[in-house]
Amino acid sequence: MFLGDFIRRAADSWPDREAVVDVSRGPRGRFTYRQLDRRAGALAAWLRGRGVGRGDRVGLLCHNGVEYLDALFACAKLGAIFTPYSWRLHARELAELLRKTSPRALLYGPEHAGTAVALAQEERGLQLLAAEEADALPPPRAAPAPPEKMGEEDTLCLLFTGGTTGLPKGARISYRMVAWNALNVLVHEARAGDCTITHTPMFHTGGLLVYTLPLLICGGRVVIMRRWSASEMLQLVARERPDFFFAVPTQYQQLLDEPGLAATDFSSVRFVTSGGAPLPVPLLRAFRAVKPLPFKQGFGMTEFGPGLFSMGPEQAEPKAGSIGRPNAFVEARLTREDGRMAGPGEIGELLLRGPCGFSGYFGEPPPQEVDSQGWFHTGDLARVDEDGYYFIVGRKKDMFISGGENVYPLEVEQALQAHPGVQAAAVIGFPDPTWGEAGRAYVVLRPGAAATEEALLAHLRERLARFKIPRLIRFIPELPLSAAGKVLKGELHERERALEEVVQVPAAPAGPEVGTRA
């Protein structure tokens, strides 16, 4: 296994091949592999001159751009640990993460100059470098000597979990994990030299590891969008001719709503991938009615993969709702609460094992999620059918018990999304004086659609057992989402608690955004 300086090896193999297109930089945003290597070398020399070495953290606070790759590859040259922070966090949360990870240097984009300066005032000894200053760094006179004894378990980067509650934890992403994930991508999806468009935040595994780094390891081309825009995505598909790209269902809905979708040339696109949440069949059919593209679906997480499961386009409708089968080099199994293996159709916790797992959390004791046999307990509940296809049914922490029966919110959400007027839905369990807990649903209607609470409840009664039916449905303009595209159910719980404090007794509907059920 070749460890460490990925970009130097790529520059040796494909020096003049275009590697990255940073859309926000316009005509000057196109970089060959040789140019990427020189940029990383210049930054590595600057960092080394300020005492950064093996194991030191180098932070980044920036919107998507080539800066992520400059910093990542510079760290690989030094044996340092690339540590990108979410620019969506509050300044206090960022300060906590910096205290926990203690970076020696912090690179920042122009939008975050004030935050970076404030952080440096709190963190003594923190070296700051603005993105525009990094662009002007001179190339080094000689390549930095690679750190000694780099091994597969050395940490390349820290990626913070996309959890929906609490301060994120930094997952230690090793060179081993990166290499095996890249191999999985090549086995199941990509070809050497392919092109993709990266638009999901690059401080998350979806933006950095799903396709970006695997393609740059094998000579591909990555087009980087600074921020997501459905209209710009269509322009880039036509101009840059990608072979495939990844998006979450909400983004496919936004593309479908774009007037220019039908006229956009997708002839270069071999397939598209949907992940982050189950792809509703109505959305799949509506999109393919305009653009008959093959849709692949998959599943991954910060701590594992992220390329864990995949499902080919031929199964998109027959196995609707499935995440597919485990990828090569990934073991998966389901265990019931009594510890025994779950059989076909039974619900159990998803456990994973294989060489593309993380190495624990930075600054934390060995993770309790990994048992003595090396199985990672994901906290996801799933079932597997007789053909070996896995279906996520929810999170253990999201499941609630109503009248003594287990309710899995994801099942109710999928049933709601099968209604033609529903664009998105989220269900939470909330204390109920009669049933212990009962469901409350938050629904986002499609543009121009009209649906009443009673109509949606009638729709659910045709599909679900009575105990699964939410006791109340609220209509809202949009669901609160994390940077990774996950619904922030903790925020929905807080909304409910706030409403409970303000309204102590059931009230009549206050307007078109709120519905109640006696």
Protein backbone atom coordinates (compact mmCIF):
# COMPACT_ATOMS: atom_id res chain seq x y z
CA MET A 1 0.00 0.00 0.00
CA PHE A 2 1.39 3.42 -0.97
CA LEU A 3 0.99 5.76 1.97
CA GLY A 4 1.42 9.47 2.38
CA ASP A 5 2.05 11.74 -0.56
CA PHE A 6 -0.88 10.80 -2.84
CA ILE A 7 -0.65 13.88 -5.02
CA ARG A 8 3.06 13.50 -5.81
CA ARG A 9 2.46 10.00 -7.11
CA ALA A 10 -0.51 11.24 -9.18
CA ALA A 11 1.58 14.12 -10.56
CA ASP A 12 4.27 11.64 -11.59
CA SER A 13 1.68 9.58 -13.47
CA TRP A 14 -0.52 12.28 -15.05
CA PRO A 15 1.33 15.61 -14.76
CA ASP A 16 -0.59 17.51 -17.43
CA ARG A 17 -4.00 15.93 -16.95
CA GLU A 18 -6.66 18.25 -15.56
CA ALA A 19 -7.43 17.20 -12.00
CA VAL A 20 -9.61 19.91 -10.44
CA VAL A 21 -11.98 22.60 -11.63
CA ASP A 22 -12.75 25.12 -8.88
CA VAL A 23 -15.87 26.73 -10.34
CA SER A 24 -15.78 29.79 -8.06
CA ARG A 25 -12.38 30.84 -9.49
CA GLY A 26 -13.57 31.08 -13.07
CA PRO A 27 -11.01 30.50 -15.85
CA ARG A 28 -8.15 30.50 -13.31
CA GLY A 29 -9.72 27.65 -11.37
CA ARG A 30 -8.44 24.80 -13.55
CA PHE A 31 -5.52 22.82 -12.16
CA THR A 32 -3.49 19.93 -13.51
CA TYR A 33 -2.05 17.23 -11.29
CA ARG A 34 1.36 18.89 -11.52
CA GLN A 35 -0.13 22.21 -10.41
CA LEU A 36 -1.96 20.58 -7.50
CA ASP A 37 1.27 18.96 -6.37
CA ARG A 38 3.11 22.30 -6.53
CA ARG A 39 0.37 24.07 -4.56
CA ALA A 40 0.44 21.36 -1.91
CA GLY A 41 4.24 21.51 -1.80
CA ALA A 42 4.23 25.27 -1.30
CA LEU A 43 1.74 25.01 1.56
CA ALA A 44 3.66 22.10 3.10
CA ALA A 45 6.84 24.21 3.08
CA TRP A 46 5.02 27.10 4.78
CA LEU A 47 3.60 24.76 7.44
CA ARG A 48 6.92 23.05 8.04
CA GLY A 49 8.55 26.46 8.50
CA ARG A 50 6.13 27.07 11.36
CA GLY A 51 6.90 23.84 13.12
CA VAL A 52 4.11 21.64 11.75
CA GLY A 53 5.13 18.00 11.59
CA ARG A 54 3.86 14.49 11.89
CA GLY A 55 0.68 14.17 13.92
CA ASP A 56 0.07 17.92 14.19
CA ARG A 57 -3.37 19.17 13.20
CA VAL A 58 -3.87 21.70 10.41
CA GLY A 59 -7.32 23.28 10.45
CA LEU A 60 -9.38 24.68 7.59
CA LEU A 61 -12.42 26.96 7.74
CA CYS A 62 -13.59 27.55 4.21
CA HIS A 63 -16.36 27.05 1.69
CA ASN A 64 -15.81 24.33 -0.93
CA GLY A 65 -12.80 24.91 -3.12
CA VAL A 66 -9.34 23.74 -4.11
CA GLU A 67 -8.16 24.91 -0.66
CA TYR A 68 -9.42 21.63 0.80
CA LEU A 69 -7.18 19.63 -1.49
CA ASP A 70 -4.21 21.97 -0.99
CA ALA A 71 -4.44 21.44 2.76
CA LEU A 72 -5.15 17.70 2.59
CA PHE A 73 -2.26 16.94 0.26
CA ALA A 74 0.10 19.29 2.13
CA CYS A 75 -0.67 17.41 5.35
CA ALA A 76 0.00 14.11 3.59
CA LYS A 77 3.45 15.39 2.61
CA LEU A 78 4.24 16.20 6.25
CA GLY A 79 2.44 13.41 8.07
CA ALA A 80 0.22 16.07 9.63
CA ILE A 81 -3.54 15.65 10.14
CA PHE A 82 -5.94 17.63 7.98
CA THR A 83 -8.79 18.96 10.14
CA PRO A 84 -11.59 20.76 8.28
CA TYR A 85 -14.19 22.51 10.41
CA SER A 86 -17.79 23.18 9.47
CA TRP A 87 -18.33 26.85 8.65
CA ARG A 88 -21.97 26.30 9.62
CA LEU A 89 -21.12 25.94 13.30
CA HIS A 90 -21.52 28.77 15.78
CA ALA A 91 -18.30 30.55 16.78
CA ARG A 92 -18.56 29.05 20.27
CA GLU A 93 -18.85 25.55 18.85
CA LEU A 94 -15.84 26.18 16.63
CA ALA A 95 -13.88 27.41 19.63
CA GLU A 96 -14.71 24.19 21.49
CA LEU A 97 -13.57 22.06 18.56
CA LEU A 98 -10.32 23.99 18.28
CA ARG A 99 -9.67 23.52 21.98
CA LYS A 100 -10.26 19.81 21.57
CA THR A 101 -8.12 19.32 18.45
CA SER A 102 -5.42 21.97 19.10
CA PRO A 103 -4.42 22.75 15.51
CA ARG A 104 -0.99 24.33 14.95
CA ALA A 105 -2.29 26.31 11.96
CA LEU A 106 -5.64 27.40 10.56
CA LEU A 107 -6.33 28.24 6.92
CA TYR A 108 -9.44 30.28 6.26
CA GLY A 109 -11.55 31.66 3.45
CA PRO A 110 -12.41 35.35 3.04
CA GLU A 111 -15.92 34.92 4.49
CA HIS A 112 -14.45 33.62 7.74
CA ALA A 113 -11.64 36.09 8.38
CA GLY A 114 -13.33 37.63 11.44
CA THR A 115 -14.05 34.24 12.98
CA ALA A 116 -10.49 33.04 12.32
CA VAL A 117 -8.96 36.08 14.00
CA ALA A 118 -11.25 35.68 17.01
CA LEU A 119 -10.32 32.00 17.29
CA ALA A 120 -6.62 32.82 17.12
CA GLN A 121 -7.03 35.25 20.00
CA GLU A 122 -8.41 32.40 22.13
CA GLU A 123 -5.95 29.75 20.93
CA ARG A 124 -2.45 30.98 21.67
CA GLY A 125 0.18 29.98 19.15
CA LEU A 126 -2.36 29.30 16.39
CA GLN A 127 -0.83 30.28 13.03
CA LEU A 128 -3.29 31.85 10.56
CA LEU A 129 -3.10 31.78 6.77
CA ALA A 130 -5.70 33.36 4.51
CA ALA A 131 -6.68 31.52 1.33
CA GLU A 132 -5.49 34.38 -0.87
CA GLU A 133 -2.11 34.32 0.91
CA ALA A 134 -1.84 30.57 0.35
CA ASP A 135 -2.38 31.15 -3.38
CA ALA A 136 0.70 33.37 -3.47
CA LEU A 137 3.06 31.02 -1.61
CA PRO A 138 6.26 30.38 -3.61
CA PRO A 139 7.01 26.82 -4.69
CA PRO A 140 9.51 25.05 -2.42
CA ARG A 141 13.10 24.68 -3.51
CA ALA A 142 12.92 20.98 -2.75
CA ALA A 143 10.16 18.55 -1.90
CA PRO A 144 9.77 18.01 1.85
CA ALA A 145 11.29 14.78 3.07
CA PRO A 146 8.49 12.31 3.81
CA PRO A 147 7.98 11.58 7.50
CA GLU A 148 9.55 8.38 8.69
CA LYS A 149 7.65 5.22 9.53
CA MET A 150 4.29 6.30 8.14
CA GLY A 151 1.92 3.38 8.48
CA GLU A 152 -1.54 2.42 7.39
CA GLU A 153 -3.00 3.36 10.77
CA ASP A 154 -1.59 6.88 10.69
CA THR A 155 -4.37 9.46 10.55
CA LEU A 156 -4.71 11.46 7.34
CA CYS A 157 -7.61 13.63 8.49
CA LEU A 158 -10.25 14.20 11.12
CA LEU A 159 -13.81 14.34 9.83
CA PHE A 160 -16.44 15.42 12.27
CA THR A 161 -19.55 13.32 12.59
CA GLY A 162 -22.72 14.59 10.98
CA GLY A 163 -24.74 13.86 14.10
CA THR A 164 -27.88 15.80 14.89
CA THR A 165 -27.26 16.39 18.60
CA GLY A 166 -24.28 17.45 20.70
CA LEU A 167 -20.81 18.60 19.67
CA PRO A 168 -19.47 16.61 16.68
CA LYS A 169 -16.73 14.06 17.34
CA GLY A 170 -13.65 13.89 15.12
CA ALA A 171 -13.45 10.50 13.42
CA ARG A 172 -9.84 9.50 12.74
CA ILE A 173 -9.63 8.68 9.03
CA SER A 174 -6.55 6.56 8.39
CA TYR A 175 -4.59 6.00 5.19
CA ARG A 176 -5.86 2.43 5.32
CA MET A 177 -9.49 3.58 5.36
CA VAL A 178 -8.92 5.97 2.45
CA ALA A 179 -7.18 3.31 0.35
CA TRP A 180 -9.82 0.63 0.87
CA ASN A 181 -12.65 3.07 0.25
CA ALA A 182 -11.01 4.14 -3.03
CA LEU A 183 -10.74 0.49 -4.04
CA ASN A 184 -14.42 -0.05 -3.25
CA VAL A 185 -15.36 2.93 -5.43
CA LEU A 186 -13.32 1.52 -8.31
CA VAL A 187 -14.78 -1.96 -7.89
CA HIS A 188 -18.40 -0.83 -7.82
CA GLU A 189 -18.75 2.53 -9.55
CA ALA A 190 -15.85 4.49 -11.01
CA ARG A 191 -13.34 4.04 -13.79
CA ALA A 192 -9.88 5.55 -13.90
CA GLY A 193 -10.14 9.00 -15.44
CA ASP A 194 -13.82 9.58 -14.64
CA CYS A 195 -15.20 13.03 -13.82
CA THR A 196 -17.61 13.98 -11.05
CA ILE A 197 -19.11 17.15 -9.62
CA THR A 198 -18.60 17.74 -5.89
CA HIS A 199 -21.12 20.05 -4.26
CA THR A 200 -21.75 18.56 -0.82
CA PRO A 201 -19.68 20.22 1.96
CA MET A 202 -16.08 19.06 1.76
CA PHE A 203 -15.71 19.20 5.54
CA HIS A 204 -17.91 16.07 5.53
CA THR A 205 -17.21 12.58 4.28
CA GLY A 206 -19.82 13.00 1.52
CA GLY A 207 -17.90 15.85 -0.06
CA LEU A 208 -14.36 14.65 0.54
CA LEU A 209 -14.39 10.84 0.45
CA VAL A 210 -17.42 9.59 -1.49
CA TYR A 211 -15.99 10.40 -4.92
CA THR A 212 -13.53 13.32 -4.66
CA LEU A 213 -10.45 11.67 -3.17
CA PRO A 214 -10.96 8.24 -4.84
CA LEU A 215 -11.05 9.89 -8.27
CA LEU A 216 -7.95 11.98 -7.59
CA ILE A 217 -6.11 8.83 -6.51
CA CYS A 218 -6.87 7.17 -9.86
CA GLY A 219 -6.36 10.07 -12.26
CA GLY A 220 -9.91 11.41 -12.45
CA ARG A 221 -11.25 14.95 -12.61
CA VAL A 222 -13.26 16.69 -9.87
CA VAL A 223 -15.41 19.77 -10.50
CA ILE A 224 -15.95 21.64 -7.22
CA MET A 225 -19.00 23.82 -6.59
CA ARG A 226 -18.56 26.40 -3.84
CA ARG A 227 -22.17 26.10 -2.70
CA TRP A 228 -25.06 23.98 -3.98
CA SER A 229 -27.33 25.52 -6.60
CA ALA A 230 -29.64 23.43 -8.76
CA SER A 231 -29.43 25.86 -11.68
CA GLU A 232 -25.62 25.98 -11.54
CA MET A 233 -25.51 22.19 -11.32
CA LEU A 234 -27.35 21.93 -14.62
CA GLN A 235 -24.95 24.41 -16.22
CA LEU A 236 -21.97 22.38 -15.04
CA VAL A 237 -23.43 19.09 -16.25
CA ALA A 238 -23.69 20.58 -19.73
CA ARG A 239 -20.27 22.28 -19.65
CA GLU A 240 -18.02 19.87 -17.72
CA ARG A 241 -19.53 16.57 -18.96
CA PRO A 242 -19.37 14.52 -15.73
CA ASP A 243 -19.61 10.73 -15.78
CA PHE A 244 -21.62 10.63 -12.56
CA PHE A 245 -22.41 12.63 -9.44
CA PHE A 246 -23.88 12.17 -5.98
CA ALA A 247 -26.83 14.05 -4.49
CA VAL A 248 -29.44 13.60 -1.78
CA PRO A 249 -33.16 13.18 -2.62
CA THR A 250 -33.95 16.80 -1.71
CA GLN A 251 -31.43 17.97 -4.31
CA TYR A 252 -32.89 15.71 -7.00
CA GLN A 253 -36.25 17.28 -6.22
CA GLN A 254 -34.70 20.72 -6.67
CA LEU A 255 -33.20 19.67 -9.99
CA LEU A 256 -36.59 18.34 -11.06
CA ASP A 257 -38.15 21.70 -10.19
CA GLU A 258 -35.62 23.57 -12.35
CA PRO A 259 -37.17 24.69 -15.67
CA GLY A 260 -33.90 23.94 -17.50
CA LEU A 261 -33.68 20.26 -16.60
CA ALA A 262 -35.34 18.94 -19.75
CA ALA A 263 -33.08 20.99 -22.05
CA THR A 264 -29.82 20.12 -20.26
CA ASP A 265 -27.52 17.68 -22.06
CA PHE A 266 -26.95 14.69 -19.76
CA SER A 267 -25.48 12.46 -22.46
CA SER A 268 -22.11 12.18 -20.66
CA VAL A 269 -23.71 10.98 -17.41
CA ARG A 270 -23.34 7.23 -17.00
CA PHE A 271 -25.36 7.16 -13.77
CA VAL A 272 -26.33 9.30 -10.78
CA THR A 273 -26.16 8.25 -7.15
CA SER A 274 -28.68 9.03 -4.43
CA GLY A 275 -27.85 8.72 -0.76
CA GLY A 276 -28.30 10.32 2.63
CA ALA A 277 -31.96 9.24 2.78
CA PRO A 278 -34.19 6.74 0.96
CA LEU A 279 -35.09 7.86 -2.56
CA PRO A 280 -38.91 8.06 -2.83
CA VAL A 281 -40.22 6.08 -5.79
CA PRO A 282 -42.52 8.94 -6.92
CA LEU A 283 -39.49 11.23 -7.12
CA LEU A 284 -37.49 8.59 -8.98
CA ARG A 285 -40.26 8.11 -11.54
CA ALA A 286 -40.86 11.84 -11.96
CA PHE A 287 -37.16 12.55 -12.51
CA ARG A 288 -36.69 9.68 -14.94
CA ALA A 289 -39.74 10.81 -16.89
CA VAL A 290 -37.74 13.95 -17.71
CA LYS A 291 -34.24 12.42 -17.75
CA PRO A 292 -34.18 8.60 -18.03
CA LEU A 293 -30.93 8.24 -16.10
CA PRO A 294 -29.77 5.13 -14.23
CA PHE A 295 -30.10 5.81 -10.50
CA LYS A 296 -27.70 4.05 -8.14
CA GLN A 297 -28.38 4.12 -4.41
CA GLY A 298 -26.10 3.52 -1.49
CA PHE A 299 -25.30 4.01 2.16
CA GLY A 300 -22.30 5.15 4.14
CA MET A 301 -21.19 7.04 7.21
CA THR A 302 -18.31 9.11 8.52
CA GLU A 303 -16.98 6.27 10.65
CA PHE A 304 -17.11 3.60 7.97
CA GLY A 305 -16.54 3.60 4.25
CA PRO A 306 -18.19 5.83 3.26
CA GLY A 307 -18.81 3.42 0.37
CA LEU A 308 -20.55 0.64 2.32
CA PHE A 309 -23.62 -0.50 0.42
CA SER A 310 -24.68 -0.02 -3.17
CA MET A 311 -27.58 -0.97 -5.39
CA GLY A 312 -27.66 -0.93 -9.16
CA PRO A 313 -30.26 1.02 -11.14
CA GLU A 314 -32.07 -2.14 -12.23
CA GLN A 315 -33.24 -2.61 -8.62
CA ALA A 316 -34.31 1.00 -8.00
CA GLU A 317 -38.01 0.18 -8.18
CA PRO A 318 -38.15 -3.57 -7.38
CA LYS A 319 -36.16 -2.93 -4.19
CA ALA A 320 -37.46 0.58 -3.49
CA GLY A 321 -36.23 1.84 -0.13
CA SER A 322 -33.24 -0.51 -0.02
CA ILE A 323 -29.64 0.61 0.45
CA GLY A 324 -28.52 -2.42 -1.55
CA ARG A 325 -26.00 -5.09 -0.65
CA PRO A 326 -22.66 -4.70 1.14
CA ASN A 327 -19.78 -3.60 -1.06
CA ALA A 328 -16.63 -5.65 -1.47
CA PHE A 329 -14.46 -5.83 1.68
CA VAL A 330 -17.46 -4.94 3.90
CA GLU A 331 -19.07 -7.41 6.31
CA ALA A 332 -22.55 -6.64 7.57
CA ARG A 333 -24.98 -8.35 9.90
CA LEU A 334 -28.04 -7.56 11.98
CA THR A 335 -28.42 -8.39 15.65
CA ARG A 336 -31.58 -8.40 17.70
CA GLU A 337 -31.87 -6.92 21.18
CA ASP A 338 -31.25 -10.36 22.67
CA GLY A 339 -27.90 -10.50 20.84
CA ARG A 340 -28.93 -13.16 18.34
CA MET A 341 -28.66 -12.71 14.59
CA ALA A 342 -31.80 -11.35 12.94
CA GLY A 343 -33.34 -13.51 10.24
CA PRO A 344 -34.81 -12.35 6.92
CA GLY A 345 -37.47 -9.75 7.57
CA GLU A 346 -36.54 -9.31 11.24
CA ILE A 347 -35.36 -5.94 12.49
CA GLY A 348 -31.96 -5.66 14.13
CA GLU A 349 -29.10 -3.24 14.64
CA LEU A 350 -26.73 -2.94 11.70
CA LEU A 351 -23.18 -4.04 12.52
CA LEU A 352 -20.22 -3.54 10.20
CA ARG A 353 -16.70 -4.92 9.97
CA GLY A 354 -13.91 -4.53 7.46
CA PRO A 355 -10.72 -2.64 6.54
CA CYS A 356 -12.53 0.60 5.63
CA GLY A 357 -13.54 1.39 9.21
CA PHE A 358 -12.29 4.38 11.15
CA SER A 359 -9.66 4.32 13.91
CA GLY A 360 -11.71 5.81 16.73
CA TYR A 361 -12.48 9.37 17.75
CA PHE A 362 -9.77 11.95 18.30
CA GLY A 363 -9.13 12.68 21.97
CA GLU A 364 -11.61 10.03 23.07
CA PRO A 365 -11.17 6.57 24.63
CA PRO A 366 -11.62 3.55 22.36
CA PRO A 367 -15.14 3.77 20.94
CA GLN A 368 -17.77 1.75 22.75
CA GLU A 369 -19.43 1.27 19.37
CA VAL A 370 -16.71 -1.26 18.42
CA ASP A 371 -17.04 -4.60 20.21
CA SER A 372 -14.34 -7.14 21.07
CA GLN A 373 -14.76 -8.91 17.71
CA GLY A 374 -14.24 -5.72 15.73
CA TRP A 375 -17.89 -5.15 14.81
CA PHE A 376 -18.94 -1.48 14.63
CA HIS A 377 -22.42 -0.99 16.10
CA THR A 378 -23.94 1.71 13.89
CA GLY A 379 -27.08 2.49 15.89
CA ASP A 380 -29.07 2.04 12.69
CA LEU A 381 -31.97 -0.42 12.65
CA ALA A 382 -32.42 -2.44 9.50
CA ARG A 383 -33.86 -5.58 7.99
CA VAL A 384 -32.58 -7.77 5.18
CA ASP A 385 -34.73 -9.60 2.66
CA GLU A 386 -34.23 -13.10 1.28
CA ASP A 387 -32.21 -11.70 -1.63
CA GLY A 388 -29.69 -10.07 0.67
CA TYR A 389 -30.88 -6.48 0.18
CA TYR A 390 -30.75 -4.30 3.28
CA PHE A 391 -33.41 -1.76 4.30
CA ILE A 392 -32.77 0.88 6.96
CA VAL A 393 -35.86 1.27 9.12
CA GLY A 394 -34.58 3.98 11.46
CA ARG A 395 -32.20 4.88 14.26
CA LYS A 396 -32.33 3.12 17.61
CA LYS A 397 -32.55 6.49 19.33
CA ASP A 398 -35.43 7.59 17.04
CA MET A 399 -37.60 4.54 17.68
CA PHE A 400 -40.41 5.10 20.16
CA ILE A 401 -42.93 2.82 21.86
CA SER A 402 -46.61 3.62 21.52
CA GLY A 403 -49.06 1.49 23.45
CA GLY A 404 -46.37 -1.17 23.91
CA GLU A 405 -45.57 -1.38 20.15
CA ASN A 406 -42.32 -0.32 18.49
CA VAL A 407 -42.75 2.50 15.98
CA TYR A 408 -39.98 3.20 13.46
CA PRO A 409 -40.33 6.80 12.23
CA LEU A 410 -38.68 6.10 8.88
CA GLU A 411 -41.49 3.70 7.93
CA VAL A 412 -44.10 6.39 8.65
CA GLU A 413 -42.05 9.04 6.80
CA GLN A 414 -41.82 6.85 3.71
CA ALA A 415 -45.56 6.26 3.80
CA LEU A 416 -46.19 9.99 4.02
CA GLN A 417 -43.82 10.67 1.12
CA ALA A 418 -45.80 8.25 -1.01
CA HIS A 419 -48.60 10.84 -1.04
CA PRO A 420 -48.38 12.90 -4.26
CA GLY A 421 -48.66 16.18 -2.36
CA VAL A 422 -45.82 15.50 0.09
CA GLN A 423 -42.28 16.56 -0.69
CA ALA A 424 -40.64 15.69 2.64
CA ALA A 425 -41.64 14.42 6.06
CA ALA A 426 -40.17 13.77 9.48
CA VAL A 427 -41.74 11.93 12.41
CA ILE A 428 -40.74 12.12 16.06
CA GLY A 429 -42.03 10.39 19.17
CA PHE A 430 -43.40 12.61 21.92
CA PRO A 431 -44.83 11.88 25.39
CA ASP A 432 -48.51 11.00 25.27
CA PRO A 433 -50.71 10.62 28.37
CA THR A 434 -52.65 7.71 26.87
CA TRP A 435 -50.10 5.71 24.87
CA GLY A 436 -46.85 6.61 26.62
CA GLU A 437 -45.50 8.00 23.36
CA ALA A 438 -47.14 8.91 20.08
CA GLY A 439 -45.94 10.17 16.75
CA ARG A 440 -45.95 13.75 15.58
CA ALA A 441 -45.28 14.39 11.91
CA TYR A 442 -43.78 17.41 10.22
CA VAL A 443 -44.69 17.66 6.53
CA VAL A 444 -43.40 19.83 3.68
CA LEU A 445 -45.84 19.98 0.77
CA ARG A 446 -44.78 20.11 -2.85
CA PRO A 447 -44.99 23.54 -4.49
CA GLY A 448 -48.58 24.20 -5.50
CA ALA A 449 -49.88 21.09 -3.71
CA ALA A 450 -52.77 21.19 -1.28
CA ALA A 451 -53.32 18.48 1.30
CA THR A 452 -55.13 18.58 4.62
CA GLU A 453 -54.16 16.80 7.77
CA GLU A 454 -57.19 14.52 7.50
CA ALA A 455 -56.32 13.62 3.91
CA LEU A 456 -52.81 12.58 4.96
CA LEU A 457 -54.12 10.61 7.93
CA ALA A 458 -56.55 8.79 5.65
CA HIS A 459 -53.64 8.07 3.31
CA LEU A 460 -51.67 6.57 6.21
CA ARG A 461 -54.60 4.46 7.45
CA GLU A 462 -54.57 2.67 4.09
CA ARG A 463 -50.90 1.71 4.58
CA LEU A 464 -50.02 1.41 8.25
CA ALA A 465 -51.23 -0.21 11.44
CA ARG A 466 -53.27 2.09 13.65
CA PHE A 467 -50.62 2.42 16.38
CA LYS A 468 -48.16 3.84 13.83
CA ILE A 469 -50.43 6.70 12.76
CA PRO A 470 -49.19 10.08 14.08
CA ARG A 471 -51.48 11.77 16.54
CA LEU A 472 -50.74 15.15 14.99
CA ILE A 473 -49.42 16.55 11.70
CA ARG A 474 -47.81 19.96 11.32
CA PHE A 475 -47.24 21.61 7.94
CA ILE A 476 -43.99 23.60 7.71
CA PRO A 477 -42.12 25.31 4.84
CA GLU A 478 -38.98 23.19 5.16
CA LEU A 479 -37.34 20.64 7.42
CA PRO A 480 -34.29 21.65 9.47
CA LEU A 481 -31.28 19.87 7.97
CA SER A 482 -27.69 19.36 9.06
CA ALA A 483 -24.77 20.02 6.72
CA ALA A 484 -24.82 16.32 5.86
CA GLY A 485 -28.47 16.53 4.78
CA LYS A 486 -29.85 14.76 7.85
CA VAL A 487 -33.06 15.96 9.45
CA LEU A 488 -32.34 17.67 12.76
CA LYS A 489 -34.91 15.81 14.82
CA GLY A 490 -33.54 17.32 18.01
CA GLU A 491 -34.62 20.70 16.68
CA LEU A 492 -38.09 19.31 15.96
CA HIS A 493 -38.28 18.06 19.55
CA GLU A 494 -37.31 21.52 20.77
CA ARG A 495 -40.05 23.07 18.64
CA GLU A 496 -42.59 20.71 20.15
CA ARG A 497 -41.44 21.48 23.68
CA ALA A 498 -41.68 25.21 22.98
CA LEU A 499 -45.20 24.80 21.63
CA GLU A 500 -46.16 22.72 24.66
CA GLU A 501 -44.97 25.52 26.95
CA VAL A 502 -46.90 28.18 25.04
CA VAL A 503 -50.05 26.17 24.36
CA GLN A 504 -51.02 24.07 27.35
CA VAL A 505 -54.28 22.83 25.83
CA PRO A 506 -55.14 21.75 22.25
CA ALA A 507 -55.83 24.78 20.08
CA ALA A 508 -57.60 25.36 16.79
CA PRO A 509 -55.40 25.56 13.70
CA ALA A 510 -53.51 28.87 13.68
CA GLY A 511 -53.15 29.01 9.89
CA PRO A 512 -52.15 27.02 6.86
CA GLU A 513 -48.80 25.94 8.36
CA VAL A 514 -50.16 24.15 11.41
CA GLY A 515 -52.64 21.33 11.70
CA THR A 516 -53.94 19.63 14.85
CA ARG A 517 -55.90 16.54 15.51
CA ALA A 518 -58.14 16.10 18.53
